[in-house]
């Protein structure tokens, strides 16, 4: 077989295979097309069925919803009709009540007119009757009343006086019982144990050899200490102790703290003394602030100026007859608050006035005046209210009792100071102080009588008017004051009052 024949057969076979393959593919494609059309028709039929079901369901739900809405509308219409009927009935009732009220009001007006008419008739009858009585008795109404009252007063004057005196005595007895009951209740509610206290000015030494160190070479240490602390150091033959002397209790406390620290440290020289005294001042200042704040907090007295708090804290180092002045003031604040509550007064004003009543004692050795007057100036300066000032200023009788709170503060002061054991001053010492003061005044010529009052804070001197003139009385008061300053030792201030009185008596016969 030749190559051409083979090539021709190959080409013929390839063409035949191509034709056969195309025909086969056509048959396959025709079969698939039929299957797809059938599937599409089936899907369309199923979709139509599903759509019909959805439409049917929606129509069913719509029908149910319409039915439901109709039912609600029907129900609402029924309810509205009921409400409308109730409102109509209420309107009818109100109209009826309005008519009744108008009828009753008309009846009342008519009765009021009748009463007014009767009243006028009675008045006219009374006037006519009074006129008739005046005509018969020949007296006017005022004259008859006056004559009747005079007759009754004459006949029953003694009975009235006895009755008034009896009522007065019964009233005093009831008030006395009530006052004792209130005071007893208050004292029992504040059952503090009084602890007399004296801020010691004696420093105990471990040995007498320390005295030499404190004095120093040629006395330079003791001079440096007195200059830095502001107190006088007294070193005598008393073994194992040194006395610190000053009218300022804060300075004494600073000096005591500083000296105790110097003794413990052992290095006593001027530079160390200045350092220790400065530290002691800081420590005592902190104690003063804490004590003032603690006192205000304990007594529920707030909104005080910080400078008042600092002055109040200084009272922690001040004593009066052995009684700590700050503790005394705190106790008074509690007593005043309870008394004010019992008597219906302002408890806040009473507590504040009692807490600050002795604040002048904190600086009475630095400022001239009585501690009451100094305290007034302090409170006025730092903006304390006038009711509090009036409450504190009368506790020693220097000012009148202007308010109920001022009486309460004075009563609380008396209660606190009179507790058994509250004050350690003996009667002998107290009388001696008063006698010394009176002796100084009696030593001057022309003095007739002298009376030391206010616990020695004031002395009243009566002079002979025929021996002492008005000008000489002024000079006498100044001379007595100078003698008291020179010969007596006392804190604060003593008021000297010279009284010159002339009396002329005549008799008319």
Protein backbone atom coordinates (compact mmCIF):
# COMPACT_ATOMS: atom_id res chain seq x y z
CA UNK A 1 0.00 0.00 0.00
CA UNK A 2 1.39 3.36 -0.91
CA UNK A 3 1.93 6.30 1.33
CA UNK A 4 -0.82 8.32 -0.37
CA UNK A 5 -3.32 5.59 0.20
CA UNK A 6 -2.40 5.41 3.87
CA UNK A 7 -2.60 9.18 4.21
CA UNK A 8 -5.94 9.29 2.40
CA UNK A 9 -7.34 6.59 4.66
CA UNK A 10 -6.11 8.41 7.74
CA UNK A 11 -7.72 11.67 6.70
CA UNK A 12 -10.96 9.88 5.81
CA UNK A 13 -11.00 8.10 9.16
CA UNK A 14 -10.37 11.42 11.02
CA UNK A 15 -13.18 13.18 9.17
CA UNK A 16 -15.50 10.31 9.85
CA UNK A 17 -14.61 10.39 13.55
CA UNK A 18 -15.24 14.13 13.69
CA UNK A 19 -18.60 13.79 12.02
CA UNK A 20 -19.53 10.92 14.31
CA UNK A 21 -18.44 12.86 17.41
CA UNK A 22 -20.42 15.95 16.41
CA UNK A 23 -23.48 13.80 15.80
CA UNK A 24 -23.06 12.11 19.16
CA UNK A 25 -22.68 15.45 20.92
CA UNK A 26 -25.81 16.76 19.19
CA UNK A 27 -27.79 13.77 20.43
CA UNK A 28 -26.52 14.27 24.01
CA UNK A 29 -27.28 18.02 23.98
CA UNK A 30 -30.78 17.37 22.66
CA UNK A 31 -31.39 14.93 25.55
CA UNK A 32 -30.12 17.39 28.19
CA UNK A 33 -32.28 20.22 26.76
CA UNK A 34 -35.37 18.12 27.23
CA UNK A 35 -34.44 17.33 30.83
CA UNK A 36 -33.86 21.05 31.69
CA UNK A 37 -37.18 22.10 30.21
CA UNK A 38 -38.94 19.43 32.19
CA UNK A 39 -37.16 20.60 35.43
CA UNK A 40 -38.03 24.25 34.73
CA UNK A 41 -41.67 23.39 34.14
CA UNK A 42 -41.71 21.40 37.35
CA UNK A 43 -40.16 24.30 39.32
CA UNK A 44 -42.67 26.75 37.87
CA UNK A 45 -45.54 24.50 38.86
CA UNK A 46 -44.19 24.11 42.39
CA UNK A 47 -43.71 27.91 42.69
CA UNK A 48 -47.27 28.52 41.56
CA UNK A 49 -48.54 26.04 44.13
CA UNK A 50 -46.44 27.69 46.88
CA UNK A 51 -47.59 31.17 45.85
CA UNK A 52 -51.20 30.06 45.90
CA UNK A 53 -50.71 28.63 49.40
CA UNK A 54 -49.13 31.93 50.61
CA UNK A 55 -51.96 33.95 49.10
CA UNK A 56 -54.54 31.69 50.71
CA UNK A 57 -52.79 31.95 54.08
CA UNK A 58 -52.50 35.74 53.80
CA UNK A 59 -56.18 36.04 52.93
CA UNK A 60 -57.04 33.86 55.92
CA UNK A 61 -54.86 36.00 58.28
CA UNK A 62 -56.29 39.22 56.82
CA UNK A 63 -59.79 37.96 57.42
CA UNK A 64 -58.93 37.05 61.03
CA UNK A 65 -57.29 40.48 61.58
CA UNK A 66 -60.33 42.29 60.17
CA UNK A 67 -62.56 40.28 62.44
CA UNK A 68 -60.35 41.10 65.43
CA UNK A 69 -60.30 44.83 64.63
CA UNK A 70 -64.07 44.84 64.27
CA UNK A 71 -64.39 43.16 67.68
CA UNK A 72 -62.08 45.77 69.28
CA UNK A 73 -63.99 48.61 67.66
CA UNK A 74 -67.24 47.15 68.91
CA UNK A 75 -65.81 46.81 72.43
CA UNK A 76 -64.48 50.38 72.40
CA UNK A 77 -67.79 51.72 71.18
CA UNK A 78 -69.57 49.94 74.04
CA UNK A 79 -67.04 51.34 76.59
CA UNK A 80 -67.35 54.86 75.19
CA UNK A 81 -71.12 54.64 75.41
CA UNK A 82 -70.82 53.59 79.09
CA UNK A 83 -68.47 56.47 79.87
CA UNK A 84 -70.72 58.88 78.07
CA UNK A 85 -73.69 57.66 80.10
CA UNK A 86 -71.69 58.07 83.36
CA UNK A 87 -70.64 61.60 82.41
CA UNK A 88 -74.23 62.50 81.59
CA UNK A 89 -75.33 61.16 84.98
CA UNK A 90 -72.54 63.14 86.74
CA UNK A 91 -73.56 66.32 84.93
CA UNK A 92 -77.14 65.77 85.97
CA UNK A 93 -76.03 65.17 89.60
CA UNK A 94 -73.84 68.29 89.59
CA UNK A 95 -76.64 70.37 88.18
CA UNK A 96 -78.93 69.08 90.87
CA UNK A 97 -76.35 69.83 93.60
CA UNK A 98 -75.82 73.31 92.20
CA UNK A 99 -79.53 73.95 92.41
CA UNK A 100 -79.60 72.63 96.00
CA UNK A 101 -76.61 74.79 96.99
CA UNK A 102 -78.17 77.88 95.46
CA UNK A 103 -81.41 77.13 97.35
CA UNK A 104 -79.49 76.62 100.66
CA UNK A 105 -77.48 79.80 100.08
CA UNK A 106 -80.66 81.75 99.57
CA UNK A 107 -82.05 80.25 102.78
CA UNK A 108 -78.86 81.24 104.69
CA UNK A 109 -79.02 84.79 103.39
CA UNK A 110 -82.62 85.02 104.49
CA UNK A 111 -81.77 83.71 107.97
CA UNK A 112 -78.79 86.10 108.22
CA UNK A 113 -81.13 89.01 107.46
CA UNK A 114 -83.51 87.79 110.16
CA UNK A 115 -80.63 87.51 112.67
CA UNK A 116 -79.39 91.01 111.83
CA UNK A 117 -82.90 92.33 112.31
CA UNK A 118 -83.21 90.58 115.70
CA UNK A 119 -79.77 91.90 116.69
CA UNK A 120 -80.77 95.45 115.84
CA UNK A 121 -83.98 95.03 117.79
CA UNK A 122 -82.08 93.72 120.81
CA UNK A 123 -79.59 96.58 120.58
CA UNK A 124 -82.37 99.12 120.46
CA UNK A 125 -84.09 97.39 123.38
CA UNK A 126 -80.84 97.43 125.36
CA UNK A 127 -80.29 101.11 124.63
CA UNK A 128 -83.88 101.86 125.66
CA UNK A 129 -83.47 99.78 128.82
CA UNK A 130 -80.17 101.45 129.70
CA UNK A 131 -81.76 104.86 129.15
CA UNK A 132 -84.65 103.92 131.41
CA UNK A 133 -82.25 102.70 134.12
CA UNK A 134 -80.20 105.89 133.84
CA UNK A 135 -83.43 107.93 134.18
CA UNK A 136 -84.50 105.96 137.26
CA UNK A 137 -81.06 105.74 138.92
CA UNK A 138 -79.95 109.18 137.73
CA UNK A 139 -76.53 107.63 136.80
CA UNK A 140 -74.87 107.00 133.44
CA UNK A 141 -73.63 103.51 132.54
CA UNK A 142 -69.98 104.48 133.10
CA UNK A 143 -70.78 106.04 136.48
CA UNK A 144 -72.80 102.99 137.57
CA UNK A 145 -69.99 100.64 136.53
CA UNK A 146 -67.37 102.70 138.35
CA UNK A 147 -69.49 102.89 141.52
CA UNK A 148 -70.09 99.14 141.43
CA UNK A 149 -66.39 98.39 140.97
CA UNK A 150 -65.44 100.69 143.85
CA UNK A 151 -67.99 99.04 146.12
CA UNK A 152 -66.74 95.55 145.26
CA UNK A 153 -63.09 96.64 145.65
CA UNK A 154 -63.79 98.09 149.12
CA UNK A 155 -65.77 95.08 150.32
CA UNK A 156 -63.38 92.42 148.99
CA UNK A 157 -60.02 94.21 149.00
CA UNK A 158 -58.59 92.10 151.80
CA UNK A 159 -59.85 88.86 150.28
CA UNK A 160 -58.37 89.83 146.91
CA UNK A 161 -54.98 90.62 148.44
CA UNK A 162 -54.94 87.34 150.35
CA UNK A 163 -55.93 85.43 147.21
CA UNK A 164 -53.29 87.18 145.10
CA UNK A 165 -50.58 86.48 147.69
CA UNK A 166 -51.62 82.85 147.89
CA UNK A 167 -51.52 82.48 144.10
CA UNK A 168 -48.13 84.19 144.02
CA UNK A 169 -46.73 81.81 146.65
CA UNK A 170 -48.16 78.77 144.88
CA UNK A 171 -46.66 80.00 141.59
CA UNK A 172 -43.24 80.50 143.20
CA UNK A 173 -43.38 77.04 144.78
CA UNK A 174 -44.31 75.40 141.47
CA UNK A 175 -41.58 77.28 139.62
CA UNK A 176 -39.04 76.34 142.31
CA UNK A 177 -39.97 72.66 142.05
CA UNK A 178 -39.83 72.80 138.25
CA UNK A 179 -36.44 74.55 138.28
CA UNK A 180 -34.98 72.01 140.73
CA UNK A 181 -36.34 69.16 138.61
CA UNK A 182 -34.75 70.56 135.43
CA UNK A 183 -31.39 71.19 137.12
CA UNK A 184 -31.36 67.75 138.74
CA UNK A 185 -32.15 66.07 135.42
CA UNK A 186 -29.42 67.97 133.60
CA UNK A 187 -26.79 67.29 136.28
CA UNK A 188 -27.64 63.57 136.29
CA UNK A 189 -27.43 63.40 132.48
CA UNK A 190 -23.90 64.84 132.62
CA UNK A 191 -22.42 62.86 135.47
CA UNK A 192 -18.76 63.75 134.92
CA UNK A 193 -16.25 63.03 137.63
CA UNK A 194 -14.53 66.37 138.36
CA UNK A 195 -10.75 66.08 138.24
CA UNK A 196 -8.99 69.11 139.72
CA UNK A 197 -5.88 69.91 137.73
CA UNK A 198 -2.95 72.23 138.07
CA UNK A 199 -0.53 72.64 135.17
CA UNK A 200 2.67 71.98 137.06
CA UNK A 201 5.48 74.52 136.83
CA UNK A 202 7.94 72.35 138.72
CA UNK A 203 10.51 70.41 136.67
CA UNK A 204 11.86 67.32 138.41
CA UNK A 205 15.62 66.79 137.99
CA UNK A 206 17.36 63.39 137.97
CA UNK A 207 20.09 64.82 140.21
CA UNK A 208 21.24 68.13 141.64
CA UNK A 209 24.27 68.08 139.32
CA UNK A 210 21.97 69.00 136.45
CA UNK A 211 21.32 72.39 138.08
CA UNK A 212 24.90 73.41 137.30
CA UNK A 213 24.47 72.48 133.61
CA UNK A 214 21.22 74.43 133.43
CA UNK A 215 22.86 77.51 134.97
CA UNK A 216 25.94 77.20 132.75
CA UNK A 217 29.20 79.08 132.90
CA UNK A 218 28.58 82.49 134.49
CA UNK A 219 24.82 81.83 134.06
CA UNK A 220 24.79 81.98 130.25
CA UNK A 221 22.63 78.85 129.83
CA UNK A 222 19.89 79.99 132.21
CA UNK A 223 19.87 83.48 130.65
CA UNK A 224 19.61 81.97 127.15
CA UNK A 225 16.76 79.69 128.30
CA UNK A 226 14.83 82.55 129.96
CA UNK A 227 15.27 84.72 126.87
CA UNK A 228 14.15 82.00 124.45
CA UNK A 229 11.19 80.74 126.52
CA UNK A 230 10.04 84.00 128.12
CA UNK A 231 9.74 82.51 131.62
CA UNK A 232 11.65 83.01 134.84
CA UNK A 233 13.66 80.01 136.07
CA UNK A 234 13.87 79.82 139.88
CA UNK A 235 16.68 77.61 141.19
CA UNK A 236 16.75 77.42 144.99
CA UNK A 237 17.92 74.97 147.62
CA UNK A 238 14.99 72.62 147.02
CA UNK A 239 16.59 69.29 146.05
CA UNK A 240 15.73 67.67 142.73
CA UNK A 241 13.48 70.39 141.27
CA UNK A 242 13.40 73.71 139.44
CA UNK A 243 10.46 76.14 139.39
CA UNK A 244 9.28 77.91 136.22
CA UNK A 245 7.43 81.18 136.85
CA UNK A 246 5.23 83.07 134.34
CA UNK A 247 1.67 84.36 134.14
CA UNK A 248 1.44 82.90 130.59
CA UNK A 249 0.47 79.21 130.97
CA UNK A 250 1.44 78.46 127.35
CA UNK A 251 4.94 79.81 127.90
CA UNK A 252 5.26 77.76 131.08
CA UNK A 253 4.25 74.62 129.19
CA UNK A 254 6.71 75.34 126.35
CA UNK A 255 9.48 75.95 128.89
CA UNK A 256 8.66 72.75 130.79
CA UNK A 257 8.64 70.63 127.61
CA UNK A 258 11.89 72.21 126.39
CA UNK A 259 13.64 71.80 129.75
CA UNK A 260 12.58 68.15 130.01
CA UNK A 261 14.01 67.50 126.52
CA UNK A 262 17.27 69.31 127.37
CA UNK A 263 17.69 67.23 130.52
CA UNK A 264 17.12 64.02 128.56
CA UNK A 265 19.51 65.13 125.77
CA UNK A 266 22.23 66.21 128.22
CA UNK A 267 23.79 68.76 125.83
CA UNK A 268 22.86 72.09 127.37
CA UNK A 269 24.30 75.18 125.67
CA UNK A 270 22.72 78.34 124.14
CA UNK A 271 22.50 77.02 120.55
CA UNK A 272 20.90 73.75 121.68
CA UNK A 273 18.55 75.66 124.00
CA UNK A 274 17.24 77.80 121.11
CA UNK A 275 16.74 74.69 118.93
CA UNK A 276 14.88 72.72 121.63
CA UNK A 277 12.68 75.70 122.61
CA UNK A 278 11.73 76.23 118.94
CA UNK A 279 10.73 72.56 118.63
CA UNK A 280 8.77 72.75 121.89
CA UNK A 281 6.86 75.78 120.55
CA UNK A 282 5.88 73.83 117.43
CA UNK A 283 4.76 70.84 119.53
CA UNK A 284 2.70 72.97 121.91
CA UNK A 285 1.16 74.91 118.98
CA UNK A 286 0.04 71.63 117.44
CA UNK A 287 -1.43 70.52 120.79
CA UNK A 288 -3.29 73.86 121.07
CA UNK A 289 -4.82 73.43 117.60
CA UNK A 290 -5.84 69.81 118.27
CA UNK A 291 -7.37 70.64 121.68
CA UNK A 292 -9.38 73.53 120.21
CA UNK A 293 -10.72 71.44 117.33
CA UNK A 294 -11.49 68.54 119.66
CA UNK A 295 -13.43 70.81 122.05
CA UNK A 296 -15.50 72.30 119.20
CA UNK A 297 -16.25 68.86 117.75
CA UNK A 298 -17.15 67.34 121.13
CA UNK A 299 -19.66 70.11 121.88
CA UNK A 300 -21.13 70.22 118.33
CA UNK A 301 -20.08 73.85 117.84
CA UNK A 302 -19.11 74.33 114.22
CA UNK A 303 -18.29 77.14 111.74
CA UNK A 304 -15.96 78.92 114.17
CA UNK A 305 -13.12 81.03 112.82
CA UNK A 306 -9.83 79.03 112.88
CA UNK A 307 -8.25 81.81 114.96
CA UNK A 308 -10.94 81.38 117.62
CA UNK A 309 -10.17 77.64 117.63
CA UNK A 310 -6.49 78.41 118.32
CA UNK A 311 -7.32 80.81 121.18
CA UNK A 312 -9.78 78.25 122.59
CA UNK A 313 -7.09 75.55 122.54
CA UNK A 314 -4.82 77.72 124.72
CA UNK A 315 -7.32 77.25 127.57
CA UNK A 316 -6.07 73.65 127.83
CA UNK A 317 -3.05 75.05 129.67
CA UNK A 318 -5.08 77.47 131.85
CA UNK A 319 -6.51 76.56 135.22
CA UNK A 320 -8.90 78.34 137.58
CA UNK A 321 -8.78 77.21 141.22
CA UNK A 322 -7.33 73.90 140.04
CA UNK A 323 -10.07 73.37 137.41
CA UNK A 324 -8.92 73.08 133.80
CA UNK A 325 -10.62 75.98 132.00
CA UNK A 326 -11.06 74.14 128.67
CA UNK A 327 -12.64 71.10 130.35
CA UNK A 328 -14.79 73.48 132.41
CA UNK A 329 -15.95 75.19 129.17
CA UNK A 330 -16.73 71.85 127.49
CA UNK A 331 -18.73 70.70 130.51
CA UNK A 332 -20.60 74.03 130.52
CA UNK A 333 -21.42 73.64 126.81
CA UNK A 334 -23.04 70.24 127.44
CA UNK A 335 -24.95 71.56 130.47
CA UNK A 336 -26.13 74.66 128.58
CA UNK A 337 -27.30 72.59 125.62
CA UNK A 338 -29.40 70.32 127.83
CA UNK A 339 -30.84 73.23 129.84
CA UNK A 340 -31.75 75.05 126.61
CA UNK A 341 -33.55 71.96 125.29
CA UNK A 342 -35.49 71.63 128.56
CA UNK A 343 -36.48 75.33 128.55
CA UNK A 344 -37.18 75.68 124.83
CA UNK A 345 -34.27 78.07 124.18
CA UNK A 346 -31.76 78.02 121.29
CA UNK A 347 -29.47 75.14 122.27
CA UNK A 348 -26.87 76.00 119.60
CA UNK A 349 -26.48 79.58 120.87
CA UNK A 350 -26.33 78.35 124.48
CA UNK A 351 -23.67 75.73 123.72
CA UNK A 352 -21.53 78.16 121.72
CA UNK A 353 -21.81 80.90 124.35
CA UNK A 354 -20.85 78.45 127.11
CA UNK A 355 -17.88 77.04 125.19
CA UNK A 356 -16.51 80.54 124.51
CA UNK A 357 -17.47 82.20 127.81
CA UNK A 358 -13.91 82.13 129.25
CA UNK A 359 -11.99 82.60 125.99
CA UNK A 360 -10.68 85.93 127.30
CA UNK A 361 -8.70 84.05 129.98
CA UNK A 362 -6.41 82.69 127.25
CA UNK A 363 -4.92 86.16 126.72
CA UNK A 364 -5.92 88.14 129.84
CA UNK A 365 -2.24 88.32 130.88
CA UNK A 366 -1.39 90.00 127.57
CA UNK A 367 -4.40 92.31 127.02
CA UNK A 368 -5.84 94.83 129.47
CA UNK A 369 -9.40 94.32 130.64
CA UNK A 370 -11.48 91.67 132.37
CA UNK A 371 -11.63 88.29 130.69
CA UNK A 372 -15.31 88.94 129.86
CA UNK A 373 -14.51 92.21 128.08
CA UNK A 374 -11.51 90.64 126.31
CA UNK A 375 -13.69 87.72 125.22
CA UNK A 376 -16.32 90.13 123.84
CA UNK A 377 -13.70 91.91 121.75
CA UNK A 378 -12.33 88.62 120.42
CA UNK A 379 -15.76 87.34 119.36
CA UNK A 380 -16.72 90.66 117.76
CA UNK A 381 -13.42 90.78 115.86
CA UNK A 382 -13.84 87.32 114.38
CA UNK A 383 -17.49 87.70 113.37
CA UNK A 384 -19.34 85.68 116.02
CA UNK A 385 -23.08 86.43 116.09
CA UNK A 386 -24.61 88.89 118.56
CA UNK A 387 -26.84 86.22 120.25
CA UNK A 388 -23.72 84.21 121.21
CA UNK A 389 -21.97 87.34 122.56
CA UNK A 390 -25.03 88.21 124.67
CA UNK A 391 -25.11 84.64 125.99
CA UNK A 392 -21.44 84.66 127.12
CA UNK A 393 -21.01 88.21 128.43
CA UNK A 394 -23.38 87.99 131.43
CA UNK A 395 -21.93 84.93 133.19
CA UNK A 396 -20.29 87.08 135.91
CA UNK A 397 -23.02 89.72 136.09
CA UNK A 398 -20.92 92.39 134.36
CA UNK A 399 -23.64 92.74 131.72
CA UNK A 400 -27.43 92.38 132.11
CA UNK A 401 -29.24 89.17 131.18
CA UNK A 402 -30.63 90.19 127.80
CA UNK A 403 -31.64 86.71 126.62
CA UNK A 404 -32.73 83.40 128.09
CA UNK A 405 -29.49 81.83 126.78
CA UNK A 406 -27.40 84.27 128.89
CA UNK A 407 -29.17 83.05 132.06
CA UNK A 408 -28.59 79.44 130.98
CA UNK A 409 -24.84 80.02 130.51
CA UNK A 410 -24.57 81.66 133.95
CA UNK A 411 -26.46 78.74 135.53
CA UNK A 412 -24.23 76.18 133.80
CA UNK A 413 -21.13 78.07 135.03
CA UNK A 414 -22.41 77.88 138.59
CA UNK A 415 -23.20 74.15 138.26
CA UNK A 416 -19.80 73.28 136.78
CA UNK A 417 -17.82 75.29 139.33
CA UNK A 418 -19.89 74.09 142.32
CA UNK A 419 -19.46 70.35 141.71
CA UNK A 420 -17.81 68.76 144.78
CA UNK A 421 -14.07 68.55 144.14
CA UNK A 422 -14.18 70.59 140.94
CA UNK A 423 -12.06 73.36 142.43
CA UNK A 424 -9.22 72.93 144.89
CA UNK A 425 -8.92 76.44 146.24
CA UNK A 426 -9.46 76.41 150.00
CA UNK A 427 -11.71 78.82 151.81
CA UNK A 428 -8.74 80.16 153.78
CA UNK A 429 -6.78 81.05 150.62
CA UNK A 430 -9.84 82.60 149.03
CA UNK A 431 -10.59 84.77 152.07
CA UNK A 432 -6.93 85.73 152.39
CA UNK A 433 -6.87 87.03 148.82
CA UNK A 434 -9.97 89.12 149.42
CA UNK A 435 -8.64 90.39 152.78
CA UNK A 436 -5.29 91.41 151.25
CA UNK A 437 -7.12 93.38 148.58
CA UNK A 438 -9.39 95.07 151.12
CA UNK A 439 -6.43 95.84 153.43
CA UNK A 440 -4.64 97.71 150.65
CA UNK A 441 -7.70 99.89 150.08
CA UNK A 442 -8.36 100.43 153.82
CA UNK A 443 -4.82 101.71 154.34
CA UNK A 444 -5.68 104.99 152.59
CA UNK A 445 -7.11 107.89 154.64
CA UNK A 446 -10.73 108.85 154.07
CA UNK A 447 -11.86 105.28 153.25
CA UNK A 448 -14.97 104.23 155.17
CA UNK A 449 -15.81 100.71 153.88
CA UNK A 450 -14.41 98.32 151.27
CA UNK A 451 -15.95 95.26 149.63
CA UNK A 452 -14.02 92.82 147.40
CA UNK A 453 -16.47 91.09 145.04
CA UNK A 454 -16.48 88.96 141.87
CA UNK A 455 -13.93 86.52 143.40
CA UNK A 456 -11.48 89.36 143.86
CA UNK A 457 -11.84 90.74 140.35
CA UNK A 458 -13.50 93.94 141.61
CA UNK A 459 -13.27 96.07 144.75
CA UNK A 460 -15.76 98.78 145.72
CA UNK A 461 -14.52 101.50 148.08
CA UNK A 462 -16.89 103.84 149.95
CA UNK A 463 -15.20 107.07 151.09
CA UNK A 464 -16.23 109.76 153.57
CA UNK A 465 -17.68 112.63 151.52
CA UNK A 466 -16.69 115.24 154.10
CA UNK A 467 -13.01 114.19 153.81
CA UNK A 468 -12.69 113.23 150.12
CA UNK A 469 -13.77 115.48 147.25
CA UNK A 470 -14.72 114.30 143.77
CA UNK A 471 -11.28 115.16 142.37
CA UNK A 472 -9.56 113.45 145.31
CA UNK A 473 -11.75 110.36 144.74
CA UNK A 474 -10.35 110.02 141.21
CA UNK A 475 -6.80 110.37 142.52
CA UNK A 476 -7.52 107.85 145.29
CA UNK A 477 -8.72 105.23 142.76
CA UNK A 478 -5.49 105.64 140.79
CA UNK A 479 -3.30 105.38 143.91
CA UNK A 480 -5.07 102.22 145.10
CA UNK A 481 -4.66 100.64 141.66
CA UNK A 482 -0.92 101.38 141.71
CA UNK A 483 -0.55 99.87 145.21
CA UNK A 484 -2.42 96.73 144.15
CA UNK A 485 -0.14 96.34 141.11
CA UNK A 486 2.96 96.70 143.28
CA UNK A 487 2.03 94.55 146.29
CA UNK A 488 -0.33 91.82 145.04
CA UNK A 489 0.12 89.06 142.45
CA UNK A 490 -2.93 88.20 140.35
CA UNK A 491 -3.78 87.19 136.77
CA UNK A 492 -5.90 89.41 134.58
CA UNK A 493 -7.30 92.67 135.93
CA UNK A 494 -8.89 94.09 139.09
CA UNK A 495 -11.49 96.85 138.77
CA UNK A 496 -11.20 99.64 141.36
CA UNK A 497 -14.45 101.53 142.05
CA UNK A 498 -14.45 104.50 144.43
CA UNK A 499 -17.94 105.60 145.56
CA UNK A 500 -18.49 109.05 147.11
CA UNK A 501 -22.08 109.61 148.21
CA UNK A 502 -23.66 112.64 149.90
CA UNK A 503 -27.05 112.40 151.61
CA UNK A 504 -29.09 115.29 152.99
CA UNK A 505 -32.04 114.39 155.27
CA UNK A 506 -34.71 116.78 156.52
CA UNK A 507 -38.04 116.18 158.26
CA UNK A 508 -41.31 118.05 157.64
CA UNK A 509 -43.46 118.35 160.74
